[in-house]
Amino acid sequence: MGLEKVLSISGKPGLYKLVTQTRGGFVAESLIDGKRLSISLQNNVSVLSEIAIYTLTEEVPLYKVLGKIRDKEASKVCSVKPKDSKDKLEEYFFDVLPDYDEDRVYASDIKKIIQWYNLLQKHDMLSLLDDDTSSDEEE
């Protein structure tokens, strides 16, 4: 399982693991509390493997950004907290991705990325980042 099975659902906190497809959508399990939800196709759902971060030159896939955070933090919980100040979040993200586009990547985006990283780390799912590098090379 790579990040193509990890979802962000608009209006719902945290990340979700895709459990199974249904006729009208799918069943997802929350990484926060383990509860399962039936999600219809009308919900706005983002697959983590499809998300990219703007830089000044290109769009960097999210798994690469999360991988850089993992390398910086030695696979431990992120050293900055999502509730830290905007300046502290931006300074941290600049260390991770020096050429990120400050006009298009907001502090709220950085906060969300750090929350997602911490959830993946907490559930021993950082190895999924390696799974996605192999699918990237096949393209």
N, C-alpha and C. Protein backbone atom coordinates (compact mmCIF):
# COMPACT_ATOMS: atom_id res chain seq x y z
N MET A 1 0.85 -1.19 0.00
CA MET A 1 0.00 0.00 0.00
C MET A 1 0.88 1.24 0.00
N GLY A 2 0.71 2.08 -0.99
CA GLY A 2 1.41 3.36 -1.04
C GLY A 2 0.45 4.46 -0.62
N LEU A 3 0.83 5.70 -0.89
CA LEU A 3 -0.02 6.82 -0.51
C LEU A 3 -1.30 6.91 -1.34
N GLU A 4 -1.43 6.09 -2.36
CA GLU A 4 -2.67 6.10 -3.14
C GLU A 4 -3.84 5.52 -2.33
N LYS A 5 -3.57 4.91 -1.20
CA LYS A 5 -4.63 4.38 -0.32
C LYS A 5 -4.84 5.26 0.91
N VAL A 6 -4.14 6.40 0.97
CA VAL A 6 -4.28 7.33 2.09
C VAL A 6 -4.99 8.58 1.58
N LEU A 7 -6.06 8.96 2.28
CA LEU A 7 -6.95 10.01 1.79
C LEU A 7 -7.07 11.17 2.76
N SER A 8 -7.32 12.33 2.20
CA SER A 8 -7.73 13.50 2.97
C SER A 8 -9.15 13.81 2.51
N ILE A 9 -10.07 13.90 3.46
CA ILE A 9 -11.47 14.15 3.13
C ILE A 9 -11.84 15.54 3.60
N SER A 10 -12.29 16.37 2.68
CA SER A 10 -12.65 17.75 2.99
C SER A 10 -13.71 17.79 4.08
N GLY A 11 -13.47 18.65 5.08
CA GLY A 11 -14.42 18.81 6.18
C GLY A 11 -14.23 17.81 7.30
N LYS A 12 -13.29 16.88 7.14
CA LYS A 12 -13.02 15.88 8.18
C LYS A 12 -11.55 15.99 8.59
N PRO A 13 -11.27 15.92 9.89
CA PRO A 13 -9.89 16.08 10.35
C PRO A 13 -9.02 14.86 10.05
N GLY A 14 -7.73 15.09 9.90
CA GLY A 14 -6.77 14.00 9.78
C GLY A 14 -6.76 13.31 8.43
N LEU A 15 -6.25 12.10 8.46
CA LEU A 15 -6.13 11.28 7.26
C LEU A 15 -6.94 10.00 7.42
N TYR A 16 -7.25 9.40 6.28
CA TYR A 16 -8.05 8.18 6.26
C TYR A 16 -7.37 7.14 5.39
N LYS A 17 -7.54 5.89 5.77
CA LYS A 17 -7.03 4.77 5.00
C LYS A 17 -8.20 4.19 4.23
N LEU A 18 -8.03 4.00 2.92
CA LEU A 18 -9.07 3.40 2.09
C LEU A 18 -9.21 1.93 2.47
N VAL A 19 -10.43 1.54 2.86
CA VAL A 19 -10.67 0.16 3.27
C VAL A 19 -11.22 -0.65 2.10
N THR A 20 -12.31 -0.16 1.51
CA THR A 20 -12.91 -0.89 0.40
C THR A 20 -13.78 0.05 -0.44
N GLN A 21 -13.97 -0.32 -1.68
CA GLN A 21 -14.86 0.43 -2.58
C GLN A 21 -16.29 -0.05 -2.35
N THR A 22 -17.24 0.84 -2.52
CA THR A 22 -18.65 0.45 -2.48
C THR A 22 -19.29 0.94 -3.78
N ARG A 23 -20.54 0.61 -3.99
CA ARG A 23 -21.20 1.04 -5.22
C ARG A 23 -21.29 2.57 -5.29
N GLY A 24 -21.60 3.21 -4.16
CA GLY A 24 -21.79 4.66 -4.17
C GLY A 24 -20.61 5.45 -3.64
N GLY A 25 -19.47 4.82 -3.44
CA GLY A 25 -18.30 5.52 -2.91
C GLY A 25 -17.29 4.55 -2.34
N PHE A 26 -16.97 4.71 -1.05
CA PHE A 26 -16.00 3.82 -0.43
C PHE A 26 -16.08 3.92 1.09
N VAL A 27 -15.42 2.98 1.74
CA VAL A 27 -15.33 2.97 3.19
C VAL A 27 -13.90 3.37 3.55
N ALA A 28 -13.77 4.31 4.48
CA ALA A 28 -12.45 4.79 4.90
C ALA A 28 -12.35 4.69 6.41
N GLU A 29 -11.13 4.43 6.89
CA GLU A 29 -10.88 4.32 8.33
C GLU A 29 -9.99 5.47 8.77
N SER A 30 -10.41 6.17 9.81
CA SER A 30 -9.68 7.32 10.32
C SER A 30 -8.37 6.88 10.97
N LEU A 31 -7.28 7.59 10.68
CA LEU A 31 -6.02 7.32 11.36
C LEU A 31 -6.01 7.94 12.75
N ILE A 32 -6.94 8.85 13.01
CA ILE A 32 -6.99 9.50 14.33
C ILE A 32 -7.63 8.58 15.36
N ASP A 33 -8.83 8.07 15.05
CA ASP A 33 -9.55 7.30 16.06
C ASP A 33 -9.94 5.88 15.60
N GLY A 34 -9.58 5.51 14.37
CA GLY A 34 -9.87 4.17 13.89
C GLY A 34 -11.31 3.93 13.47
N LYS A 35 -12.16 4.96 13.55
CA LYS A 35 -13.56 4.80 13.16
C LYS A 35 -13.67 4.70 11.63
N ARG A 36 -14.61 3.90 11.20
CA ARG A 36 -14.85 3.74 9.77
C ARG A 36 -16.02 4.60 9.33
N LEU A 37 -15.87 5.19 8.15
CA LEU A 37 -16.93 6.04 7.59
C LEU A 37 -17.25 5.56 6.19
N SER A 38 -18.51 5.70 5.84
CA SER A 38 -18.91 5.46 4.46
C SER A 38 -18.90 6.82 3.76
N ILE A 39 -18.10 6.95 2.74
CA ILE A 39 -17.92 8.22 2.04
C ILE A 39 -18.53 8.11 0.65
N SER A 40 -19.41 9.06 0.31
CA SER A 40 -20.03 9.03 -1.01
C SER A 40 -19.13 9.74 -2.02
N LEU A 41 -19.43 9.55 -3.26
CA LEU A 41 -18.63 10.16 -4.32
C LEU A 41 -18.82 11.68 -4.37
N GLN A 42 -19.82 12.20 -3.65
CA GLN A 42 -20.04 13.65 -3.63
C GLN A 42 -19.03 14.36 -2.73
N ASN A 43 -18.40 13.64 -1.80
CA ASN A 43 -17.41 14.26 -0.92
C ASN A 43 -16.17 14.66 -1.70
N ASN A 44 -15.54 15.74 -1.27
CA ASN A 44 -14.29 16.18 -1.88
C ASN A 44 -13.15 15.42 -1.22
N VAL A 45 -12.55 14.49 -1.95
CA VAL A 45 -11.52 13.61 -1.41
C VAL A 45 -10.24 13.80 -2.20
N SER A 46 -9.12 13.91 -1.48
CA SER A 46 -7.81 14.01 -2.12
C SER A 46 -6.99 12.77 -1.75
N VAL A 47 -6.38 12.17 -2.74
CA VAL A 47 -5.50 11.03 -2.52
C VAL A 47 -4.10 11.61 -2.33
N LEU A 48 -3.41 11.23 -1.26
CA LEU A 48 -2.11 11.85 -0.96
C LEU A 48 -1.10 11.68 -2.09
N SER A 49 -1.18 10.59 -2.83
CA SER A 49 -0.23 10.37 -3.92
C SER A 49 -0.43 11.35 -5.07
N GLU A 50 -1.58 12.04 -5.11
CA GLU A 50 -1.88 12.99 -6.18
C GLU A 50 -1.58 14.44 -5.81
N ILE A 51 -1.21 14.69 -4.56
CA ILE A 51 -0.99 16.06 -4.09
C ILE A 51 0.45 16.47 -4.35
N ALA A 52 0.64 17.71 -4.78
CA ALA A 52 1.99 18.25 -5.01
C ALA A 52 2.09 19.63 -4.37
N ILE A 53 3.31 20.03 -4.08
CA ILE A 53 3.59 21.31 -3.45
C ILE A 53 4.28 22.21 -4.48
N TYR A 54 3.82 23.44 -4.58
CA TYR A 54 4.41 24.39 -5.53
C TYR A 54 5.79 24.84 -5.06
N THR A 55 6.74 24.84 -6.01
CA THR A 55 8.03 25.49 -5.78
C THR A 55 8.16 26.56 -6.86
N LEU A 56 9.25 27.28 -6.84
CA LEU A 56 9.45 28.33 -7.83
C LEU A 56 9.68 27.79 -9.22
N THR A 57 10.07 26.51 -9.32
CA THR A 57 10.38 25.93 -10.63
C THR A 57 9.44 24.81 -11.07
N GLU A 58 8.85 24.08 -10.11
CA GLU A 58 8.04 22.91 -10.47
C GLU A 58 7.08 22.59 -9.33
N GLU A 59 6.32 21.52 -9.51
CA GLU A 59 5.49 21.00 -8.44
C GLU A 59 6.16 19.73 -7.92
N VAL A 60 6.41 19.69 -6.62
CA VAL A 60 7.07 18.54 -5.99
C VAL A 60 6.00 17.64 -5.37
N PRO A 61 6.00 16.35 -5.72
CA PRO A 61 5.01 15.44 -5.13
C PRO A 61 5.09 15.44 -3.61
N LEU A 62 3.94 15.34 -2.96
CA LEU A 62 3.87 15.38 -1.51
C LEU A 62 4.74 14.31 -0.86
N TYR A 63 4.81 13.11 -1.45
CA TYR A 63 5.60 12.06 -0.81
C TYR A 63 7.08 12.45 -0.72
N LYS A 64 7.56 13.24 -1.69
CA LYS A 64 8.96 13.68 -1.62
C LYS A 64 9.15 14.70 -0.50
N VAL A 65 8.18 15.59 -0.32
CA VAL A 65 8.25 16.58 0.75
C VAL A 65 8.19 15.87 2.10
N LEU A 66 7.26 14.92 2.24
CA LEU A 66 7.16 14.15 3.49
C LEU A 66 8.44 13.35 3.73
N GLY A 67 9.04 12.85 2.66
CA GLY A 67 10.31 12.13 2.78
C GLY A 67 11.43 13.03 3.28
N LYS A 68 11.44 14.28 2.83
CA LYS A 68 12.46 15.23 3.30
C LYS A 68 12.26 15.54 4.77
N ILE A 69 10.99 15.64 5.19
CA ILE A 69 10.70 15.86 6.62
C ILE A 69 11.17 14.64 7.41
N ARG A 70 10.87 13.46 6.89
CA ARG A 70 11.30 12.22 7.58
C ARG A 70 12.82 12.19 7.73
N ASP A 71 13.55 12.56 6.67
CA ASP A 71 15.01 12.57 6.74
C ASP A 71 15.50 13.60 7.75
N LYS A 72 14.90 14.79 7.73
CA LYS A 72 15.29 15.86 8.65
C LYS A 72 15.03 15.47 10.11
N GLU A 73 13.91 14.77 10.33
CA GLU A 73 13.50 14.41 11.69
C GLU A 73 13.95 13.00 12.09
N ALA A 74 14.70 12.33 11.25
CA ALA A 74 15.16 10.96 11.51
C ALA A 74 13.98 10.03 11.86
N SER A 75 12.89 10.17 11.11
CA SER A 75 11.67 9.36 11.27
C SER A 75 10.97 9.56 12.61
N LYS A 76 11.30 10.62 13.31
CA LYS A 76 10.63 10.93 14.58
C LYS A 76 9.55 11.99 14.34
N VAL A 77 8.78 12.28 15.40
CA VAL A 77 7.73 13.30 15.32
C VAL A 77 8.36 14.64 14.92
N CYS A 78 7.64 15.40 14.16
CA CYS A 78 8.12 16.69 13.66
C CYS A 78 8.51 17.61 14.82
N SER A 79 9.62 18.32 14.67
CA SER A 79 10.14 19.17 15.74
C SER A 79 9.33 20.46 15.90
N VAL A 80 8.60 20.87 14.87
CA VAL A 80 7.70 22.02 15.03
C VAL A 80 6.28 21.47 15.18
N LYS A 81 5.46 22.22 15.84
CA LYS A 81 4.09 21.80 16.07
C LYS A 81 3.18 22.55 15.09
N PRO A 82 2.11 21.90 14.63
CA PRO A 82 1.19 22.57 13.70
C PRO A 82 0.63 23.89 14.25
N LYS A 83 0.58 24.04 15.56
CA LYS A 83 0.03 25.26 16.14
C LYS A 83 1.09 26.33 16.38
N ASP A 84 2.33 26.07 15.98
CA ASP A 84 3.38 27.09 16.12
C ASP A 84 3.06 28.30 15.25
N SER A 85 3.79 29.37 15.46
CA SER A 85 3.53 30.61 14.73
C SER A 85 3.77 30.43 13.23
N LYS A 86 3.13 31.29 12.47
CA LYS A 86 3.26 31.27 11.01
C LYS A 86 4.74 31.39 10.62
N ASP A 87 5.48 32.30 11.28
CA ASP A 87 6.90 32.48 10.98
C ASP A 87 7.71 31.22 11.24
N LYS A 88 7.42 30.55 12.37
CA LYS A 88 8.16 29.34 12.72
C LYS A 88 7.86 28.22 11.72
N LEU A 89 6.58 28.10 11.32
CA LEU A 89 6.20 27.08 10.33
C LEU A 89 6.90 27.34 8.99
N GLU A 90 6.88 28.59 8.55
CA GLU A 90 7.50 28.93 7.27
C GLU A 90 9.01 28.73 7.31
N GLU A 91 9.64 29.07 8.43
CA GLU A 91 11.09 28.88 8.57
C GLU A 91 11.43 27.39 8.50
N TYR A 92 10.65 26.57 9.19
CA TYR A 92 10.86 25.12 9.16
C TYR A 92 10.70 24.59 7.75
N PHE A 93 9.62 24.99 7.07
CA PHE A 93 9.34 24.49 5.73
C PHE A 93 10.40 24.94 4.74
N PHE A 94 10.95 26.13 4.97
CA PHE A 94 12.03 26.62 4.11
C PHE A 94 13.26 25.72 4.23
N ASP A 95 13.50 25.17 5.43
CA ASP A 95 14.60 24.21 5.62
C ASP A 95 14.33 22.92 4.86
N VAL A 96 13.08 22.51 4.83
CA VAL A 96 12.69 21.25 4.18
C VAL A 96 12.68 21.40 2.66
N LEU A 97 12.09 22.49 2.18
CA LEU A 97 11.90 22.72 0.75
C LEU A 97 12.28 24.17 0.45
N PRO A 98 13.58 24.45 0.28
CA PRO A 98 14.07 25.83 0.21
C PRO A 98 13.44 26.69 -0.88
N ASP A 99 13.02 26.08 -1.98
CA ASP A 99 12.48 26.89 -3.08
C ASP A 99 10.95 26.82 -3.17
N TYR A 100 10.27 26.49 -2.05
CA TYR A 100 8.81 26.45 -2.12
C TYR A 100 8.27 27.84 -2.43
N ASP A 101 7.16 27.89 -3.14
CA ASP A 101 6.56 29.15 -3.57
C ASP A 101 5.75 29.76 -2.42
N GLU A 102 6.31 30.78 -1.79
CA GLU A 102 5.68 31.39 -0.62
C GLU A 102 4.36 32.07 -0.96
N ASP A 103 4.15 32.41 -2.24
CA ASP A 103 2.90 33.05 -2.64
C ASP A 103 1.76 32.04 -2.80
N ARG A 104 2.10 30.77 -3.04
CA ARG A 104 1.05 29.78 -3.29
C ARG A 104 0.98 28.69 -2.22
N VAL A 105 1.98 28.61 -1.35
CA VAL A 105 1.95 27.64 -0.25
C VAL A 105 1.76 28.44 1.03
N TYR A 106 0.60 28.29 1.63
CA TYR A 106 0.25 29.09 2.81
C TYR A 106 0.65 28.37 4.10
N ALA A 107 0.66 29.14 5.18
CA ALA A 107 0.97 28.56 6.50
C ALA A 107 -0.01 27.44 6.83
N SER A 108 -1.27 27.60 6.41
CA SER A 108 -2.27 26.54 6.66
C SER A 108 -1.92 25.25 5.92
N ASP A 109 -1.31 25.37 4.74
CA ASP A 109 -0.86 24.18 4.00
C ASP A 109 0.28 23.50 4.74
N ILE A 110 1.23 24.30 5.23
CA ILE A 110 2.38 23.76 5.97
C ILE A 110 1.89 23.05 7.23
N LYS A 111 0.96 23.69 7.91
CA LYS A 111 0.37 23.11 9.12
C LYS A 111 -0.23 21.74 8.81
N LYS A 112 -0.98 21.65 7.72
CA LYS A 112 -1.63 20.39 7.33
C LYS A 112 -0.59 19.33 6.98
N ILE A 113 0.47 19.71 6.27
CA ILE A 113 1.52 18.76 5.90
C ILE A 113 2.20 18.21 7.16
N ILE A 114 2.46 19.07 8.13
CA ILE A 114 3.08 18.62 9.38
C ILE A 114 2.14 17.70 10.14
N GLN A 115 0.85 18.02 10.17
CA GLN A 115 -0.13 17.14 10.82
C GLN A 115 -0.16 15.77 10.13
N TRP A 116 -0.17 15.78 8.81
CA TRP A 116 -0.19 14.53 8.06
C TRP A 116 1.08 13.72 8.33
N TYR A 117 2.23 14.37 8.30
CA TYR A 117 3.49 13.67 8.58
C TYR A 117 3.42 13.01 9.95
N ASN A 118 2.98 13.77 10.96
CA ASN A 118 2.91 13.23 12.32
C ASN A 118 1.95 12.05 12.42
N LEU A 119 0.82 12.11 11.70
CA LEU A 119 -0.11 10.98 11.70
C LEU A 119 0.52 9.74 11.05
N LEU A 120 1.18 9.93 9.93
CA LEU A 120 1.84 8.81 9.27
C LEU A 120 2.94 8.24 10.16
N GLN A 121 3.68 9.12 10.82
CA GLN A 121 4.76 8.68 11.72
C GLN A 121 4.18 7.90 12.90
N LYS A 122 3.12 8.40 13.49
CA LYS A 122 2.49 7.77 14.66
C LYS A 122 2.00 6.36 14.33
N HIS A 123 1.53 6.16 13.10
CA HIS A 123 0.97 4.86 12.71
C HIS A 123 1.99 4.00 11.94
N ASP A 124 3.28 4.32 12.07
CA ASP A 124 4.34 3.57 11.39
C ASP A 124 4.07 3.41 9.90
N MET A 125 3.63 4.49 9.28
CA MET A 125 3.30 4.45 7.85
C MET A 125 4.28 5.25 7.00
N LEU A 126 5.40 5.69 7.57
CA LEU A 126 6.37 6.47 6.79
C LEU A 126 7.00 5.63 5.69
N SER A 127 6.99 4.32 5.85
CA SER A 127 7.54 3.45 4.80
C SER A 127 6.72 3.55 3.51
N LEU A 128 5.47 4.03 3.60
CA LEU A 128 4.65 4.22 2.40
C LEU A 128 5.29 5.24 1.46
N LEU A 129 6.08 6.14 2.01
CA LEU A 129 6.75 7.14 1.17
C LEU A 129 7.72 6.45 0.23
N ASP A 130 8.33 5.36 0.67
CA ASP A 130 9.25 4.60 -0.18
C ASP A 130 8.48 3.86 -1.26
N ASP A 131 7.27 3.36 -0.92
CA ASP A 131 6.44 2.67 -1.91
C ASP A 131 6.11 3.59 -3.08
N ASP A 132 5.90 4.87 -2.79
CA ASP A 132 5.53 5.81 -3.85
C ASP A 132 6.71 6.17 -4.74
N THR A 133 7.94 6.07 -4.25
CA THR A 133 9.07 6.40 -5.12
C THR A 133 9.17 5.39 -6.25
N SER A 134 8.83 4.13 -5.98
CA SER A 134 8.90 3.12 -7.04
C SER A 134 7.83 3.35 -8.10
N SER A 135 6.63 3.79 -7.69
CA SER A 135 5.60 4.05 -8.69
C SER A 135 5.93 5.27 -9.53
N ASP A 136 6.69 6.22 -8.94
CA ASP A 136 7.08 7.43 -9.65
C ASP A 136 8.09 7.10 -10.76
N GLU A 137 8.99 6.15 -10.48
CA GLU A 137 10.02 5.81 -11.45
C GLU A 137 9.47 5.04 -12.63
N GLU A 138 8.31 4.40 -12.46
CA GLU A 138 7.73 3.61 -13.56
C GLU A 138 7.08 4.50 -14.61
N GLU A 139 6.76 5.73 -14.27
CA GLU A 139 6.05 6.60 -15.21
C GLU A 139 6.90 7.00 -16.38
